[in-house]
Protein backbone atom coordinates (compact mmCIF):
# COMPACT_ATOMS: atom_id res chain seq x y z
CA MET A 1 0.00 0.00 0.00
CA ARG A 2 1.45 3.35 -0.99
CA GLY A 3 -0.03 6.61 0.14
CA ARG A 4 -0.25 9.62 -2.11
CA ASP A 5 3.18 10.58 -0.84
CA GLY A 6 4.38 7.41 -2.62
CA ALA A 7 6.39 6.13 0.32
CA ARG A 8 6.15 3.00 2.40
CA GLY A 9 6.79 3.13 6.10
CA GLN A 10 6.11 6.85 6.36
CA ALA A 11 4.03 8.14 9.25
CA ALA A 12 1.11 9.13 7.01
CA VAL A 13 -1.20 7.29 4.64
CA LYS A 14 -3.17 9.32 2.09
CA GLN A 15 -5.10 7.77 -0.74
CA TRP A 16 -8.00 8.62 -3.02
CA ILE A 17 -10.48 5.74 -2.89
CA ARG A 18 -13.53 5.31 -5.10
CA MET A 19 -16.71 4.98 -3.07
CA CYS A 20 -20.44 5.18 -3.77
CA TYR A 21 -22.66 7.86 -2.31
CA LEU A 22 -26.17 6.50 -1.74
CA PRO A 23 -28.66 9.40 -1.84
CA ASP A 24 -32.09 9.12 -0.22
CA GLU A 25 -33.59 8.99 -3.70
CA GLY A 26 -32.05 7.96 -7.00
CA PRO A 27 -29.16 5.75 -8.03
CA ALA A 28 -25.79 5.42 -6.32
CA VAL A 29 -23.26 8.08 -7.30
CA PRO A 30 -19.55 7.21 -7.65
CA VAL A 31 -17.35 9.60 -5.67
CA TRP A 32 -13.62 9.86 -5.01
CA VAL A 33 -12.84 10.23 -1.31
CA LEU A 34 -9.48 11.21 0.19
CA TRP A 35 -8.70 8.88 3.11
CA GLU A 36 -6.00 10.07 5.51
CA TYR A 37 -4.19 8.60 8.48
CA SER A 38 -1.22 9.90 10.42
CA ALA A 39 0.78 8.22 13.17
CA GLU A 40 0.87 11.65 14.83
CA THR A 41 -2.87 11.25 15.54
CA PRO A 42 -2.92 7.47 15.88
CA LEU A 43 -6.52 7.02 16.99
CA GLU A 44 -8.23 8.87 14.14
CA VAL A 45 -8.78 8.71 10.41
CA GLY A 46 -10.03 11.39 8.04
CA MET A 47 -12.26 11.21 4.97
CA THR A 48 -12.70 14.20 2.65
CA PHE A 49 -15.26 14.15 -0.13
CA PRO A 50 -17.22 16.60 -2.30
CA VAL A 51 -20.58 17.70 -0.93
CA ALA A 52 -23.65 16.53 -2.84
CA ASP A 53 -24.36 19.91 -4.47
CA GLY A 54 -20.78 20.06 -5.79
CA ASN A 55 -20.00 23.31 -3.93
CA GLY A 56 -17.18 22.46 -1.57
CA TRP A 57 -15.76 19.64 0.46
CA SER A 58 -16.73 17.86 3.66
CA LYS A 59 -14.09 16.41 5.98
CA TRP A 60 -14.95 13.87 8.64
CA VAL A 61 -12.54 12.72 11.34
CA PHE A 62 -13.44 9.71 13.45
CA ALA A 63 -12.00 6.73 15.34
CA ARG A 64 -9.94 4.37 13.23
CA SER A 65 -11.37 1.47 15.24
CA LEU A 66 -14.67 2.00 13.43
CA LEU A 67 -13.09 1.15 10.07
CA ILE A 68 -11.13 -1.78 11.47
CA GLY A 69 -14.16 -3.33 13.18
CA GLY A 70 -16.80 -2.20 10.67
CA ALA A 71 -15.33 -4.36 7.92
CA TYR A 72 -16.60 -7.41 9.84
CA ALA A 73 -19.45 -6.31 12.13
CA ALA A 74 -21.64 -3.28 12.77
CA CYS A 75 -19.99 -0.72 15.03
CA GLY A 76 -20.32 2.89 16.01
CA GLU A 77 -23.27 4.94 17.11
CA GLY A 78 -24.35 8.51 16.78
CA ASP A 79 -22.47 10.54 14.15
CA VAL A 80 -20.53 7.67 12.53
CA ARG A 81 -21.69 4.09 12.00
CA VAL A 82 -19.92 1.41 9.94
CA TRP A 83 -21.15 -2.05 8.94
CA PRO A 84 -20.47 -4.78 6.35
CA VAL A 85 -22.90 -5.40 3.48
CA GLU A 86 -22.91 -8.54 1.35
CA HIS A 87 -23.80 -8.00 -2.31
CA ASP A 88 -24.02 -10.65 -5.02
CA VAL A 89 -20.79 -9.64 -6.69
CA GLN A 90 -18.55 -8.39 -3.89
CA PRO A 91 -18.73 -7.44 -0.21
CA TRP A 92 -18.99 -3.75 0.67
CA VAL A 93 -18.77 -1.69 3.83
CA SER A 94 -21.32 1.03 4.54
CA ILE A 95 -20.34 4.22 6.34
CA ALA A 96 -23.16 6.42 7.63
CA LEU A 97 -22.25 9.97 8.63
CA SER A 98 -24.62 12.39 10.36
CA ASP A 99 -24.15 15.73 12.08
CA GLY A 100 -27.77 16.12 13.13
CA SER A 101 -28.90 18.28 10.21
CA LEU A 102 -27.05 16.62 7.32
CA SER A 103 -26.25 12.99 6.64
CA ALA A 104 -24.53 10.85 4.05
CA LEU A 105 -24.43 7.15 3.36
CA LEU A 106 -21.31 5.93 1.56
CA GLN A 107 -20.12 2.48 0.56
CA VAL A 108 -16.61 1.23 -0.14
CA SER A 109 -15.57 -2.20 -1.35
CA ARG A 110 -14.35 -4.28 1.56
CA GLU A 111 -11.25 -5.15 -0.48
CA ASP A 112 -10.31 -1.45 -0.82
CA LEU A 113 -11.05 -0.80 2.85
CA LEU A 114 -8.93 -3.74 4.02
CA ALA A 115 -6.03 -2.72 1.76
CA TRP A 116 -6.13 0.81 3.15
CA THR A 117 -6.41 -0.28 6.78
CA ALA A 118 -3.45 -2.66 6.23
CA GLY A 119 -1.31 0.37 5.32
CA MET A 120 -2.57 2.18 8.40
CA LEU A 121 -1.89 -0.81 10.67
CA GLU A 122 1.57 -1.22 9.15
CA ARG A 123 2.40 2.23 10.52
CA VAL A 124 0.64 1.86 13.89
CA PRO A 125 -0.56 -1.63 14.90
CA VAL A 126 -3.63 -2.12 17.08
CA ASP A 127 -2.77 -1.53 20.76
CA ALA A 128 0.38 0.43 19.83
CA GLU A 129 -1.40 3.77 19.50
CA SER A 130 -0.34 5.08 22.92
CA GLY A 131 3.31 4.90 21.90
CA HIS A 132 2.57 7.46 19.16
CA LEU A 133 0.63 9.96 21.27
CA ASP A 134 2.42 13.20 22.02
CA VAL A 135 0.71 14.08 25.30
CA ASP A 136 3.22 16.81 26.19
CA GLY A 137 2.79 18.42 22.77
CA CYS A 138 -0.99 18.29 23.11
CA ILE A 139 -0.88 19.97 26.53
CA ARG A 140 1.53 22.60 25.19
CA ARG A 141 -0.84 23.41 22.28
CA ILE A 142 -3.80 23.71 24.65
CA LEU A 143 -1.89 26.06 26.95
CA GLU A 144 -0.63 28.14 23.99
CA ALA A 145 -4.19 28.45 22.66
CA ALA A 146 -5.42 29.57 26.08
CA ASP A 147 -2.70 32.24 26.24
CA GLY A 148 -3.28 33.46 22.68
């Protein structure tokens, strides 16, 4: 797995992945989504995709554990939910996003999701996240923001 930066073993994984947006009405719409992961923020992943009206981008950041677990069983509640879906041709994973007023339902092939999570787990394995947390840096940024 190579991120957009083209390097293996780097701290970050960035990749455009083709997904399907499932609107409330009408057919599925193919959409390219930028998936991001950084060992500097080892517990979270980011997804950036165009908004439905084509005017701008939406970025969602959520727990990486939802993608890891959601490939095999339903997980998450509230704003982000992830669950596997079996289709005739290939297995997919659904990702439901909601901020209370807006929502989106996206699907990604399980094969693409597993390939991407493998790159993420290569950088920071499960249960090794705490070794990548910069607690002192986080506290410093909070204190600097409070002073500024």
